Amino acid sequence: MLGRVAAALVVYILCIFEWQDTVTSVGQLLGLSGFWALFIPSALIGLSVYRIADLDNWGVWDAAAFLTIGSIAMLAMTSDPSATIYELVKGVVSFSVAAILGALALRGGKNGR
């Protein structure tokens, strides 16, 4: 528990002090300004790291946390929200198809043999 809090706090502090310009530009792309442009993306990243740092319980919320961090990182790299949404949808659909095909392969195909 303490490790999760420490990891989230370190990442949050890095977002506020070290990556301030990048995080603020992402916040502005999301329509935020001033303090909120820095605070909201930093808080989302910190909460995502807190969720991912729980190595014992992995699930859908961890996927959402990775998606949050990935989308903020992509927005920082591309500075184009429409391209970022396109890439996120493309990635989610491709991973979903891969998961379905993998589950069918584990079951033995369509007939379950």
Protein backbone atom coordinates (compact mmCIF):
# COMPACT_ATOMS: atom_id res chain seq x y z
CA MET A 1 0.00 0.00 0.00
CA LEU A 2 2.75 2.44 0.94
CA GLY A 3 4.63 1.63 -2.28
CA ARG A 4 1.57 2.45 -4.39
CA VAL A 5 1.13 5.80 -2.66
CA ALA A 6 4.84 6.58 -3.02
CA ALA A 7 4.85 5.72 -6.74
CA ALA A 8 1.75 7.83 -7.40
CA LEU A 9 3.17 10.76 -5.41
CA VAL A 10 6.52 10.63 -7.23
CA VAL A 11 4.82 10.63 -10.63
CA TYR A 12 2.47 13.44 -9.58
CA ILE A 13 5.39 15.58 -8.39
CA LEU A 14 7.28 14.85 -11.63
CA CYS A 15 4.23 15.96 -13.63
CA ILE A 16 3.94 19.19 -11.65
CA PHE A 17 7.60 20.20 -11.59
CA GLU A 18 9.54 18.35 -14.29
CA TRP A 19 6.97 17.89 -17.09
CA GLN A 20 4.97 21.04 -16.35
CA ASP A 21 5.06 22.44 -19.90
CA THR A 22 4.01 19.16 -21.49
CA VAL A 23 1.22 18.50 -19.00
CA THR A 24 -0.07 22.07 -19.32
CA SER A 25 -0.15 21.82 -23.12
CA VAL A 26 -2.16 18.58 -22.85
CA GLY A 27 -4.54 20.28 -20.43
CA GLN A 28 -4.99 23.16 -22.84
CA LEU A 29 -5.76 20.70 -25.65
CA LEU A 30 -8.48 19.29 -23.40
CA GLY A 31 -9.95 22.80 -23.03
CA LEU A 32 -8.58 23.59 -19.58
CA SER A 33 -6.72 26.72 -18.59
CA GLY A 34 -4.45 27.98 -15.86
CA PHE A 35 -4.14 25.85 -12.73
CA TRP A 36 -6.62 23.24 -14.01
CA ALA A 37 -4.58 22.59 -17.15
CA LEU A 38 -1.73 21.43 -14.93
CA PHE A 39 -3.67 19.84 -12.08
CA ILE A 40 -6.22 17.62 -13.85
CA PRO A 41 -3.87 15.72 -16.22
CA SER A 42 -1.30 15.37 -13.40
CA ALA A 43 -3.95 14.00 -11.05
CA LEU A 44 -5.20 11.56 -13.71
CA ILE A 45 -1.68 10.28 -14.29
CA GLY A 46 -1.04 9.98 -10.53
CA LEU A 47 -4.27 8.07 -9.96
CA SER A 48 -3.50 5.81 -12.91
CA VAL A 49 -0.07 4.98 -11.54
CA TYR A 50 -1.66 4.30 -8.14
CA ARG A 51 -4.04 1.81 -9.78
CA ILE A 52 -1.36 0.12 -11.90
CA ALA A 53 1.02 -0.26 -8.94
CA ASP A 54 -1.33 -2.82 -7.35
CA LEU A 55 0.37 -5.90 -8.74
CA ASP A 56 -1.92 -8.36 -6.93
CA ASN A 57 -5.25 -7.31 -8.45
CA TRP A 58 -5.23 -6.64 -12.18
CA GLY A 59 -8.34 -6.08 -14.24
CA VAL A 60 -10.41 -3.66 -16.27
CA TRP A 61 -9.45 -0.64 -14.15
CA ASP A 62 -5.79 -1.27 -14.92
CA ALA A 63 -6.59 -1.28 -18.61
CA ALA A 64 -8.42 2.02 -18.14
CA ALA A 65 -5.40 3.40 -16.27
CA PHE A 66 -3.04 2.40 -19.09
CA LEU A 67 -5.46 3.91 -21.59
CA THR A 68 -5.50 7.17 -19.62
CA ILE A 69 -1.71 7.40 -19.44
CA GLY A 70 -1.41 6.42 -23.09
CA SER A 71 -3.92 8.97 -24.28
CA ILE A 72 -2.24 11.78 -22.32
CA ALA A 73 1.16 10.74 -23.69
CA MET A 74 -0.21 10.59 -27.25
CA LEU A 75 -1.81 14.01 -26.88
CA ALA A 76 1.53 15.37 -25.69
CA MET A 77 3.31 13.89 -28.73
CA THR A 78 0.81 14.69 -31.48
CA SER A 79 -0.97 17.83 -30.20
CA ASP A 80 -3.95 16.66 -32.27
CA PRO A 81 -6.97 15.37 -30.32
CA SER A 82 -8.71 13.88 -33.38
CA ALA A 83 -5.61 11.87 -34.37
CA THR A 84 -5.24 10.70 -30.78
CA ILE A 85 -8.85 9.51 -30.60
CA TYR A 86 -8.44 7.72 -33.94
CA GLU A 87 -5.31 5.91 -32.73
CA LEU A 88 -6.93 4.98 -29.39
CA VAL A 89 -10.00 3.51 -31.08
CA LYS A 90 -7.80 1.65 -33.55
CA GLY A 91 -5.69 0.21 -30.73
CA VAL A 92 -8.64 -0.79 -28.54
CA VAL A 93 -10.41 -2.52 -31.44
CA SER A 94 -7.29 -4.39 -32.54
CA PHE A 95 -6.53 -5.59 -29.00
CA SER A 96 -10.16 -6.64 -28.54
CA VAL A 97 -10.10 -8.69 -31.74
CA ALA A 98 -6.81 -10.26 -30.68
CA ALA A 99 -8.26 -11.16 -27.27
CA ILE A 100 -11.34 -12.75 -28.83
CA LEU A 101 -9.24 -14.76 -31.28
CA GLY A 102 -6.93 -15.84 -28.47
CA ALA A 103 -9.87 -16.98 -26.35
CA LEU A 104 -11.28 -18.96 -29.28
CA ALA A 105 -7.88 -20.55 -29.86
CA LEU A 106 -7.69 -21.59 -26.19
CA ARG A 107 -11.14 -23.16 -26.41
CA GLY A 108 -10.15 -25.16 -29.47
CA GLY A 109 -11.73 -23.09 -32.19
CA LYS A 110 -15.33 -22.45 -33.12
CA ASN A 111 -16.67 -25.90 -32.18
CA GLY A 112 -14.92 -26.06 -28.81
CA ARG A 113 -12.87 -29.16 -29.68
